[in-house]
Amino acid sequence: MTTTARTADRTALGLAALLAGTGTLHLVDPHRFDPAVPTWLPGSRLGWELVSGVAELGCAALLALPRTRRLGGWATAALFVAVFPGNLDMARRARSPRGRAITLARLPLQLPLVVGAWRVARHASAR
């Protein structure tokens, strides 16, 4: 296994742990994520929060298993890109300067998550 493949495997497991945690939190305490659901999405906030949790857990499972890691990388990169507009909307709707600062500070952190997932997809070792 090459160094790049080993790094991709470690990144995949880190992303899987992150997504398993947030996915579980989405299902256990979905209303915690109310501010992150854009008001322009159709349907209920609860529905979007639950779908998001299931998607995160699905991506975590795909990333955790070596046989599905490549697909998991692509799915995770797509998920991180898909939630970005919601994070922008949350920053726009923040009610306090502190809240706005926190949500704005989070936005650039999504780039390394997308890049990491993309690298996993490109370099996951084929097994």
C-alpha atoms as a PDB file:
ATOM      1  CA  MET A   1       0.000   0.000   0.000  1.00  0.00           C
ATOM      2  CA  THR A   2       1.356   3.404  -0.944  1.00  0.00           C
ATOM      3  CA  THR A   3       1.749   6.291   1.467  1.00  0.00           C
ATOM      4  CA  THR A   4      -1.018   8.124  -0.383  1.00  0.00           C
ATOM      5  CA  ALA A   5      -3.386   5.173   0.048  1.00  0.00           C
ATOM      6  CA  ARG A   6      -2.529   4.911   3.764  1.00  0.00           C
ATOM      7  CA  THR A   7      -3.182   8.638   4.197  1.00  0.00           C
ATOM      8  CA  ALA A   8      -6.493   8.280   2.340  1.00  0.00           C
ATOM      9  CA  ASP A   9      -7.449   5.392   4.628  1.00  0.00           C
ATOM     10  CA  ARG A  10      -6.650   7.429   7.758  1.00  0.00           C
ATOM     11  CA  THR A  11      -8.554  10.416   6.394  1.00  0.00           C
ATOM     12  CA  ALA A  12     -11.500   8.161   5.563  1.00  0.00           C
ATOM     13  CA  LEU A  13     -11.630   6.817   9.098  1.00  0.00           C
ATOM     14  CA  GLY A  14     -11.419  10.326  10.564  1.00  0.00           C
ATOM     15  CA  LEU A  15     -14.235  11.529   8.340  1.00  0.00           C
ATOM     16  CA  ALA A  16     -16.242   8.400   9.176  1.00  0.00           C
ATOM     17  CA  ALA A  17     -15.901   9.129  12.898  1.00  0.00           C
ATOM     18  CA  LEU A  18     -16.912  12.777  12.400  1.00  0.00           C
ATOM     19  CA  LEU A  19     -19.934  11.827  10.293  1.00  0.00           C
ATOM     20  CA  ALA A  20     -20.980   9.014  12.630  1.00  0.00           C
ATOM     21  CA  GLY A  21     -20.988  11.497  15.511  1.00  0.00           C
ATOM     22  CA  THR A  22     -22.897  14.227  13.713  1.00  0.00           C
ATOM     23  CA  GLY A  23     -25.263  11.744  12.070  1.00  0.00           C
ATOM     24  CA  THR A  24     -26.108  10.235  15.433  1.00  0.00           C
ATOM     25  CA  LEU A  25     -26.625  13.689  16.924  1.00  0.00           C
ATOM     26  CA  HIS A  26     -28.970  14.568  14.041  1.00  0.00           C
ATOM     27  CA  LEU A  27     -31.124  11.556  14.907  1.00  0.00           C
ATOM     28  CA  VAL A  28     -30.955  11.821  18.700  1.00  0.00           C
ATOM     29  CA  ASP A  29     -31.402  15.605  19.010  1.00  0.00           C
ATOM     30  CA  PRO A  30     -32.562  16.810  15.595  1.00  0.00           C
ATOM     31  CA  HIS A  31     -33.910  20.177  16.724  1.00  0.00           C
ATOM     32  CA  ARG A  32     -30.379  21.220  17.680  1.00  0.00           C
ATOM     33  CA  PHE A  33     -29.903  21.668  13.928  1.00  0.00           C
ATOM     34  CA  ASP A  34     -32.992  23.871  13.362  1.00  0.00           C
ATOM     35  CA  PRO A  35     -30.848  26.958  12.650  1.00  0.00           C
ATOM     36  CA  ALA A  36     -28.903  25.079   9.973  1.00  0.00           C
ATOM     37  CA  VAL A  37     -31.960  24.215   7.873  1.00  0.00           C
ATOM     38  CA  PRO A  38     -32.546  26.955   5.296  1.00  0.00           C
ATOM     39  CA  THR A  39     -36.000  28.483   5.427  1.00  0.00           C
ATOM     40  CA  TRP A  40     -36.311  28.163   1.648  1.00  0.00           C
ATOM     41  CA  LEU A  41     -36.229  24.342   1.697  1.00  0.00           C
ATOM     42  CA  PRO A  42     -39.649  22.731   1.220  1.00  0.00           C
ATOM     43  CA  GLY A  43     -41.088  20.467   3.884  1.00  0.00           C
ATOM     44  CA  SER A  44     -40.398  20.293   7.574  1.00  0.00           C
ATOM     45  CA  ARG A  45     -37.149  21.111   9.310  1.00  0.00           C
ATOM     46  CA  LEU A  46     -37.397  17.841  11.208  1.00  0.00           C
ATOM     47  CA  GLY A  47     -37.582  15.893   7.960  1.00  0.00           C
ATOM     48  CA  TRP A  48     -34.449  17.566   6.603  1.00  0.00           C
ATOM     49  CA  GLU A  49     -32.620  17.035   9.895  1.00  0.00           C
ATOM     50  CA  LEU A  50     -33.451  13.323   9.903  1.00  0.00           C
ATOM     51  CA  VAL A  51     -32.543  12.884   6.235  1.00  0.00           C
ATOM     52  CA  SER A  52     -29.264  14.669   6.896  1.00  0.00           C
ATOM     53  CA  GLY A  53     -28.504  12.350   9.823  1.00  0.00           C
ATOM     54  CA  VAL A  54     -29.211   9.255   7.766  1.00  0.00           C
ATOM     55  CA  ALA A  55     -27.039  10.599   4.912  1.00  0.00           C
ATOM     56  CA  GLU A  56     -24.183  11.278   7.329  1.00  0.00           C
ATOM     57  CA  LEU A  57     -24.425   7.801   8.831  1.00  0.00           C
ATOM     58  CA  GLY A  58     -24.538   6.284   5.352  1.00  0.00           C
ATOM     59  CA  CYS A  59     -21.430   8.180   4.300  1.00  0.00           C
ATOM     60  CA  ALA A  60     -19.703   7.158   7.541  1.00  0.00           C
ATOM     61  CA  ALA A  61     -20.456   3.492   6.858  1.00  0.00           C
ATOM     62  CA  LEU A  62     -19.204   3.740   3.271  1.00  0.00           C
ATOM     63  CA  LEU A  63     -15.989   5.426   4.425  1.00  0.00           C
ATOM     64  CA  ALA A  64     -15.391   2.918   7.214  1.00  0.00           C
ATOM     65  CA  LEU A  65     -15.427  -0.130   4.962  1.00  0.00           C
ATOM     66  CA  PRO A  66     -12.405  -0.534   2.694  1.00  0.00           C
ATOM     67  CA  ARG A  67     -14.511  -2.085  -0.104  1.00  0.00           C
ATOM     68  CA  THR A  68     -16.804   0.970  -0.280  1.00  0.00           C
ATOM     69  CA  ARG A  69     -14.335   3.662   0.706  1.00  0.00           C
ATOM     70  CA  ARG A  70     -13.964   5.139  -2.799  1.00  0.00           C
ATOM     71  CA  LEU A  71     -17.744   5.523  -3.163  1.00  0.00           C
ATOM     72  CA  GLY A  72     -17.869   6.880   0.384  1.00  0.00           C
ATOM     73  CA  GLY A  73     -15.341   9.558  -0.518  1.00  0.00           C
ATOM     74  CA  TRP A  74     -17.393  10.745  -3.471  1.00  0.00           C
ATOM     75  CA  ALA A  75     -20.649  10.618  -1.481  1.00  0.00           C
ATOM     76  CA  THR A  76     -19.074  12.511   1.416  1.00  0.00           C
ATOM     77  CA  ALA A  77     -17.622  15.214  -0.819  1.00  0.00           C
ATOM     78  CA  ALA A  78     -21.074  15.635  -2.411  1.00  0.00           C
ATOM     79  CA  LEU A  79     -22.723  15.799   1.015  1.00  0.00           C
ATOM     80  CA  PHE A  80     -20.336  18.492   2.241  1.00  0.00           C
ATOM     81  CA  VAL A  81     -20.955  20.529  -0.920  1.00  0.00           C
ATOM     82  CA  ALA A  82     -24.731  20.033  -0.610  1.00  0.00           C
ATOM     83  CA  VAL A  83     -24.898  21.384   2.957  1.00  0.00           C
ATOM     84  CA  PHE A  84     -22.774  24.454   2.209  1.00  0.00           C
ATOM     85  CA  PRO A  85     -25.741  26.638   1.102  1.00  0.00           C
ATOM     86  CA  GLY A  86     -27.443  25.838   4.406  1.00  0.00           C
ATOM     87  CA  ASN A  87     -24.362  26.963   6.295  1.00  0.00           C
ATOM     88  CA  LEU A  88     -24.283  30.191   4.283  1.00  0.00           C
ATOM     89  CA  ASP A  89     -27.951  30.756   5.039  1.00  0.00           C
ATOM     90  CA  MET A  90     -27.353  30.106   8.739  1.00  0.00           C
ATOM     91  CA  ALA A  91     -24.585  32.745   8.762  1.00  0.00           C
ATOM     92  CA  ARG A  92     -26.886  35.199   6.994  1.00  0.00           C
ATOM     93  CA  ARG A  93     -29.679  34.635   9.517  1.00  0.00           C
ATOM     94  CA  ALA A  94     -27.517  34.728  12.654  1.00  0.00           C
ATOM     95  CA  ARG A  95     -29.151  36.889  15.315  1.00  0.00           C
ATOM     96  CA  SER A  96     -26.085  38.104  17.162  1.00  0.00           C
ATOM     97  CA  PRO A  97     -22.655  39.340  16.109  1.00  0.00           C
ATOM     98  CA  ARG A  98     -21.085  36.436  18.018  1.00  0.00           C
ATOM     99  CA  GLY A  99     -23.359  33.923  16.263  1.00  0.00           C
ATOM    100  CA  ARG A 100     -22.584  35.438  12.886  1.00  0.00           C
ATOM    101  CA  ALA A 101     -18.835  35.347  13.619  1.00  0.00           C
ATOM    102  CA  ILE A 102     -19.003  31.676  14.603  1.00  0.00           C
ATOM    103  CA  THR A 103     -21.041  30.649  11.567  1.00  0.00           C
ATOM    104  CA  LEU A 104     -18.809  32.641   9.220  1.00  0.00           C
ATOM    105  CA  ALA A 105     -15.685  31.114  10.782  1.00  0.00           C
ATOM    106  CA  ARG A 106     -17.089  27.639  10.098  1.00  0.00           C
ATOM    107  CA  LEU A 107     -17.526  28.227   6.363  1.00  0.00           C
ATOM    108  CA  PRO A 108     -13.857  27.931   5.320  1.00  0.00           C
ATOM    109  CA  LEU A 109     -13.546  24.740   7.357  1.00  0.00           C
ATOM    110  CA  GLN A 110     -15.751  22.961   4.847  1.00  0.00           C
ATOM    111  CA  LEU A 111     -13.122  23.260   2.124  1.00  0.00           C
ATOM    112  CA  PRO A 112     -10.645  20.879   3.809  1.00  0.00           C
ATOM    113  CA  LEU A 113     -13.525  18.468   4.479  1.00  0.00           C
ATOM    114  CA  VAL A 114     -14.501  18.443   0.797  1.00  0.00           C
ATOM    115  CA  VAL A 115     -10.866  18.135  -0.292  1.00  0.00           C
ATOM    116  CA  GLY A 116     -10.234  15.326   2.208  1.00  0.00           C
ATOM    117  CA  ALA A 117     -13.270  13.378   1.011  1.00  0.00           C
ATOM    118  CA  TRP A 118     -12.258  13.957  -2.620  1.00  0.00           C
ATOM    119  CA  ARG A 119      -8.748  12.641  -1.874  1.00  0.00           C
ATOM    120  CA  VAL A 120     -10.220   9.579  -0.215  1.00  0.00           C
ATOM    121  CA  ALA A 121     -12.274   8.925  -3.346  1.00  0.00           C
ATOM    122  CA  ARG A 122      -9.256   9.349  -5.612  1.00  0.00           C
ATOM    123  CA  HIS A 123      -6.702   7.449  -3.561  1.00  0.00           C
ATOM    124  CA  ALA A 124      -8.588   4.820  -1.606  1.00  0.00           C
ATOM    125  CA  SER A 125      -6.811   1.539  -2.149  1.00  0.00           C
ATOM    126  CA  ALA A 126      -8.731  -0.926  -4.272  1.00  0.00           C
ATOM    127  CA  ARG A 127      -9.373  -4.149  -2.348  1.00  0.00           C
END
